Amino acid sequence: MSGTWHADLASLTGDRAEQQDRSLILTLPDRPQDCLAILADGMGGRAGGALAAQAVIDTAKAMFSANAADNPQAFLSALCDKADDAIRALGHSNGNNPASTCVMLYLCGDEAYWVHVGDSRLYHFGGETLLSHTRDHTVAELRRQHDEHLPIVDAEQDHRLYMCLGGENGVHPEFAACAIGADDWFALSSDGFWQHVGADETAHEVMSSDKPGDCAERLAKIATERAGTGSDNTSLIILTRAGKTRSAGWRRFLPQRLRQGK
């Protein structure tokens, strides 16, 4: 990890036979202020899900270079497209239908760029305040956007993904970006985490801890314990700024602005 950002990662298997989440931080030796965080949650059976998530990680390893800074949106979009192709190729080779979510955050100097497909989330905080988070590509989220008071008819159906890497539908990753304030930090998580630990609790734990490097593991354990029997894989990445960059009151959002909300 570069001196600019501190990364805290945790990944628990939970009450599952296999860990199908994958997460990684990539840095560039010649650009210590840059890093790429990737989190993928695989689906498609015991072998398929893990392979799909690993394909996302492998694609990121192969593509991340200093050239990413030239056009971060194009880089992240191309990364998603290549990972989608790799997962589809796996399915053709193995005769199954693997798929994966992904959320990726590229930190480049004083700017942050992110993209997501599926229901793995990115949270953007300013101190203990949630500034924004990604919106899930699920039937439930579509219903909420249409009318937030609509009752959930079938929880299992409502939480189905309508977009993922390697899925049957087309992939249209959602992109957003912002300038980084002095007290800004980020959390990336699989649904096994955010379904059981809210943003406020996450922020309080990180901001009040005197050992920030232990927060991800503690929070992931809380999520797994709350899920109980049948708990899902749980993965969490916390990225905090090692030094001040700009005053907390100054924040410049780039053109592709993320929708605000909690």
Protein backbone atom coordinates (compact mmCIF):
# COMPACT_ATOMS: atom_id res chain seq x y z
CA MET A 1 0.00 0.00 0.00
CA SER A 2 1.31 3.45 -0.88
CA GLY A 3 1.91 6.14 1.69
CA THR A 4 -1.13 8.05 0.42
CA TRP A 5 -3.81 5.50 1.28
CA HIS A 6 -4.23 2.87 3.96
CA ALA A 7 -6.14 -0.28 2.98
CA ASP A 8 -7.88 -2.56 5.48
CA LEU A 9 -9.35 -5.79 4.00
CA ALA A 10 -11.38 -8.66 5.43
CA SER A 11 -12.99 -11.70 3.79
CA LEU A 12 -14.91 -14.34 5.75
CA THR A 13 -16.42 -17.54 4.35
CA GLY A 14 -19.37 -17.57 6.75
CA ASP A 15 -21.66 -20.58 6.75
CA ARG A 16 -20.81 -21.51 3.16
CA ALA A 17 -18.81 -24.37 1.69
CA GLU A 18 -16.60 -22.06 -0.35
CA GLN A 19 -15.39 -18.48 -0.43
CA GLN A 20 -16.65 -16.99 -3.69
CA ASP A 21 -15.75 -13.36 -2.91
CA ARG A 22 -12.49 -11.92 -4.14
CA SER A 23 -10.88 -8.59 -3.20
CA LEU A 24 -7.55 -6.95 -3.93
CA ILE A 25 -5.65 -3.66 -3.79
CA LEU A 26 -3.30 -2.86 -6.66
CA THR A 27 -0.69 -0.10 -6.63
CA LEU A 28 1.79 1.29 -9.15
CA PRO A 29 5.48 1.60 -8.22
CA ASP A 30 5.92 4.72 -10.34
CA ARG A 31 2.69 6.38 -9.15
CA PRO A 32 2.56 5.89 -5.35
CA GLN A 33 -0.46 8.19 -5.05
CA ASP A 34 -2.58 5.84 -7.20
CA CYS A 35 -4.29 2.60 -6.24
CA LEU A 36 -7.06 0.37 -7.54
CA ALA A 37 -9.41 -1.48 -5.18
CA ILE A 38 -11.46 -4.38 -6.58
CA LEU A 39 -14.17 -6.44 -4.91
CA ALA A 40 -16.09 -9.20 -6.72
CA ASP A 41 -18.82 -11.55 -5.47
CA GLY A 42 -19.09 -14.67 -7.62
CA MET A 43 -22.23 -16.63 -8.48
CA GLY A 44 -22.94 -19.82 -10.36
CA GLY A 45 -22.36 -22.90 -8.21
CA ARG A 46 -19.41 -24.02 -6.18
CA ALA A 47 -16.82 -23.92 -8.95
CA GLY A 48 -18.35 -21.26 -11.19
CA GLY A 49 -18.78 -18.46 -8.69
CA ALA A 50 -15.23 -18.55 -7.37
CA LEU A 51 -13.80 -18.73 -10.90
CA ALA A 52 -15.94 -15.80 -12.05
CA ALA A 53 -14.83 -13.58 -9.18
CA GLN A 54 -11.21 -14.58 -9.73
CA ALA A 55 -11.55 -13.66 -13.40
CA VAL A 56 -12.41 -10.11 -12.34
CA ILE A 57 -9.29 -9.94 -10.18
CA ASP A 58 -7.06 -11.45 -12.86
CA THR A 59 -8.37 -9.01 -15.46
CA ALA A 60 -7.64 -6.05 -13.18
CA LYS A 61 -4.10 -7.30 -12.55
CA ALA A 62 -3.48 -7.58 -16.28
CA MET A 63 -4.91 -4.17 -17.20
CA PHE A 64 -3.88 -1.80 -14.40
CA SER A 65 -1.07 0.51 -15.49
CA ALA A 66 -0.04 4.16 -15.36
CA ASN A 67 -2.10 4.72 -18.53
CA ALA A 68 -5.27 4.37 -16.45
CA ALA A 69 -4.82 7.96 -15.32
CA ASP A 70 -5.20 9.23 -18.90
CA ASN A 71 -8.92 8.36 -18.94
CA PRO A 72 -10.14 6.66 -15.75
CA GLN A 73 -13.71 6.20 -16.98
CA ALA A 74 -12.55 4.48 -20.16
CA PHE A 75 -10.14 2.32 -18.17
CA LEU A 76 -12.76 1.15 -15.65
CA SER A 77 -15.36 0.56 -18.36
CA ALA A 78 -12.88 -1.47 -20.43
CA LEU A 79 -11.92 -3.44 -17.33
CA CYS A 80 -15.56 -4.42 -16.76
CA ASP A 81 -15.98 -5.37 -20.42
CA LYS A 82 -12.86 -7.55 -20.39
CA ALA A 83 -13.88 -9.24 -17.15
CA ASP A 84 -17.34 -9.91 -18.60
CA ASP A 85 -15.73 -11.50 -21.67
CA ALA A 86 -13.44 -13.63 -19.47
CA ILE A 87 -16.35 -14.92 -17.38
CA ARG A 88 -18.42 -15.74 -20.45
CA ALA A 89 -15.44 -17.65 -21.88
CA LEU A 90 -15.24 -19.63 -18.64
CA GLY A 91 -18.87 -20.57 -18.97
CA HIS A 92 -18.44 -21.75 -22.54
CA SER A 93 -15.40 -23.84 -21.57
CA ASN A 94 -17.00 -25.41 -18.49
CA GLY A 95 -20.57 -25.75 -19.73
CA ASN A 96 -22.05 -23.64 -16.92
CA ASN A 97 -23.20 -20.07 -16.30
CA PRO A 98 -20.80 -18.32 -13.92
CA ALA A 99 -21.31 -14.67 -13.07
CA SER A 100 -19.99 -12.04 -10.69
CA THR A 101 -20.72 -8.64 -9.29
CA CYS A 102 -17.95 -6.09 -9.14
CA VAL A 103 -17.19 -2.74 -7.58
CA MET A 104 -13.91 -0.99 -8.39
CA LEU A 105 -12.42 2.21 -7.02
CA TYR A 106 -9.50 3.98 -8.68
CA LEU A 107 -7.81 6.57 -6.47
CA CYS A 108 -5.67 8.90 -8.54
CA GLY A 109 -4.02 11.76 -6.71
CA ASP A 110 -6.77 13.95 -5.26
CA GLU A 111 -9.54 12.33 -7.31
CA ALA A 112 -11.60 9.16 -7.00
CA TYR A 113 -13.31 7.22 -9.79
CA TRP A 114 -15.51 4.19 -9.34
CA VAL A 115 -17.65 1.76 -11.26
CA HIS A 116 -19.98 -1.05 -10.24
CA VAL A 117 -22.07 -3.85 -11.67
CA GLY A 118 -24.49 -5.81 -9.47
CA ASP A 119 -25.07 -5.43 -5.73
CA SER A 120 -21.58 -5.13 -4.30
CA ARG A 121 -21.44 -1.58 -2.98
CA LEU A 122 -19.17 1.43 -2.61
CA TYR A 123 -19.74 3.89 0.23
CA HIS A 124 -18.17 7.35 0.17
CA PHE A 125 -17.80 9.01 3.57
CA GLY A 126 -16.65 12.39 4.82
CA GLY A 127 -15.67 11.65 8.41
CA GLU A 128 -18.73 9.97 9.94
CA THR A 129 -21.08 11.40 7.29
CA LEU A 130 -22.23 9.21 4.41
CA LEU A 131 -21.89 11.32 1.29
CA SER A 132 -23.12 8.77 -1.26
CA HIS A 133 -23.29 5.11 -2.15
CA THR A 134 -23.84 3.03 -5.25
CA ARG A 135 -27.33 1.77 -6.13
CA ASP A 136 -27.80 -1.97 -6.51
CA HIS A 137 -28.69 -3.49 -9.86
CA THR A 138 -31.54 -5.49 -8.35
CA VAL A 139 -35.29 -5.74 -8.88
CA ALA A 140 -35.73 -4.39 -5.35
CA GLU A 141 -33.82 -1.22 -6.19
CA LEU A 142 -35.79 -0.71 -9.40
CA ARG A 143 -38.99 -1.00 -7.38
CA ARG A 144 -37.68 1.43 -4.77
CA GLN A 145 -36.80 4.00 -7.43
CA HIS A 146 -40.29 3.70 -8.88
CA ASP A 147 -42.05 3.97 -5.51
CA GLU A 148 -40.14 3.56 -2.26
CA HIS A 149 -43.37 2.66 -0.44
CA LEU A 150 -44.11 -0.41 -2.57
CA PRO A 151 -44.22 -3.52 -0.33
CA ILE A 152 -41.81 -6.38 -0.98
CA VAL A 153 -43.88 -9.17 -2.48
CA ASP A 154 -41.19 -11.83 -2.74
CA ALA A 155 -37.85 -11.05 -1.06
CA GLU A 156 -35.95 -13.68 -3.05
CA GLN A 157 -37.32 -12.42 -6.37
CA ASP A 158 -36.92 -8.76 -5.50
CA HIS A 159 -33.23 -9.16 -4.72
CA ARG A 160 -32.37 -10.84 -8.00
CA LEU A 161 -29.74 -9.07 -10.08
CA TYR A 162 -30.76 -7.69 -13.44
CA MET A 163 -27.15 -6.94 -14.35
CA CYS A 164 -23.87 -8.68 -13.53
CA LEU A 165 -20.65 -9.68 -15.24
CA GLY A 166 -21.13 -12.86 -17.24
CA GLY A 167 -24.90 -12.71 -17.02
CA GLU A 168 -27.43 -13.04 -19.79
CA ASN A 169 -28.23 -9.32 -19.96
CA GLY A 170 -26.01 -6.61 -21.40
CA VAL A 171 -23.47 -4.95 -19.13
CA HIS A 172 -23.70 -1.19 -18.64
CA PRO A 173 -21.47 -0.33 -15.66
CA GLU A 174 -22.38 2.72 -13.61
CA PHE A 175 -19.56 5.23 -13.28
CA ALA A 176 -19.06 8.13 -10.89
CA ALA A 177 -16.23 10.35 -9.70
CA CYS A 178 -15.38 13.06 -7.20
CA ALA A 179 -12.54 15.12 -5.81
CA ILE A 180 -11.26 13.82 -2.48
CA GLY A 181 -11.71 15.95 0.63
CA ALA A 182 -9.32 15.89 3.57
CA ASP A 183 -11.58 13.66 5.67
CA ASP A 184 -12.95 11.50 2.84
CA TRP A 185 -12.67 7.72 2.88
CA PHE A 186 -14.30 4.75 1.14
CA ALA A 187 -15.70 1.31 1.90
CA LEU A 188 -16.36 -1.44 -0.65
CA SER A 189 -18.40 -4.47 0.40
CA SER A 190 -20.24 -7.55 -0.78
CA ASP A 191 -23.92 -7.97 0.06
CA GLY A 192 -22.96 -10.40 2.82
CA PHE A 193 -21.69 -7.35 4.70
CA TRP A 194 -24.05 -4.47 3.96
CA GLN A 195 -27.20 -6.52 4.54
CA HIS A 196 -26.26 -6.75 8.22
CA VAL A 197 -24.12 -3.70 9.04
CA GLY A 198 -25.34 -0.23 8.16
CA ALA A 199 -23.36 2.75 6.93
CA ASP A 200 -23.72 4.69 10.20
CA GLU A 201 -22.33 1.80 12.23
CA THR A 202 -19.47 1.30 9.78
CA ALA A 203 -18.53 4.99 9.91
CA HIS A 204 -18.66 5.13 13.70
CA GLU A 205 -16.46 2.04 14.01
CA VAL A 206 -13.84 3.39 11.62
CA MET A 207 -13.81 6.95 12.95
CA SER A 208 -13.71 5.98 16.64
CA SER A 209 -11.14 3.19 16.36
CA ASP A 210 -7.60 3.73 17.62
CA LYS A 211 -6.55 0.75 15.47
CA PRO A 212 -7.99 1.49 12.01
CA GLY A 213 -6.18 -1.49 10.50
CA ASP A 214 -8.40 -3.87 12.48
CA CYS A 215 -11.79 -2.36 11.58
CA ALA A 216 -12.57 -4.46 8.49
CA GLU A 217 -12.09 -7.76 10.30
CA ARG A 218 -14.16 -6.65 13.30
CA LEU A 219 -17.00 -5.36 11.15
CA ALA A 220 -17.01 -8.46 8.92
CA LYS A 221 -17.28 -10.67 12.01
CA ILE A 222 -20.23 -8.61 13.24
CA ALA A 223 -22.01 -9.10 9.89
CA THR A 224 -21.39 -12.86 9.93
CA GLU A 225 -22.58 -13.23 13.52
CA ARG A 226 -25.76 -11.29 12.82
CA ALA A 227 -26.50 -13.38 9.74
CA GLY A 228 -26.39 -16.55 11.86
CA THR A 229 -27.00 -19.93 10.30
CA GLY A 230 -26.64 -19.77 6.55
CA SER A 231 -24.47 -16.62 6.62
CA ASP A 232 -23.09 -15.57 3.26
CA ASN A 233 -19.49 -14.87 2.30
CA THR A 234 -18.60 -11.46 3.69
CA SER A 235 -15.97 -9.14 2.24
CA LEU A 236 -15.05 -5.56 3.10
CA ILE A 237 -12.38 -3.09 1.98
CA ILE A 238 -11.83 0.15 3.90
CA LEU A 239 -9.62 2.84 2.34
CA THR A 240 -8.64 5.83 4.45
CA ARG A 241 -6.48 8.79 3.56
CA ALA A 242 -3.05 8.79 5.18
CA GLY A 243 -2.61 12.57 4.85
CA LYS A 244 -4.72 15.67 4.32
CA THR A 245 -5.38 16.78 0.75
CA ARG A 246 -7.99 19.57 0.77
CA SER A 247 -10.18 21.29 3.34
CA ALA A 248 -13.20 19.30 4.39
CA GLY A 249 -15.54 22.06 3.26
CA TRP A 250 -14.30 22.00 -0.34
CA ARG A 251 -15.53 19.28 -2.64
CA ARG A 252 -15.68 19.34 -6.45
CA PHE A 253 -17.82 16.67 -8.05
CA LEU A 254 -16.78 15.63 -11.53
CA PRO A 255 -19.35 15.52 -14.36
CA GLN A 256 -20.62 11.96 -13.82
CA ARG A 257 -22.05 12.65 -10.39
CA LEU A 258 -23.16 9.79 -8.18
CA ARG A 259 -26.74 9.94 -6.98
CA GLN A 260 -26.85 10.97 -3.35
CA GLY A 261 -28.65 9.08 -0.63
CA LYS A 262 -28.52 6.74 2.30
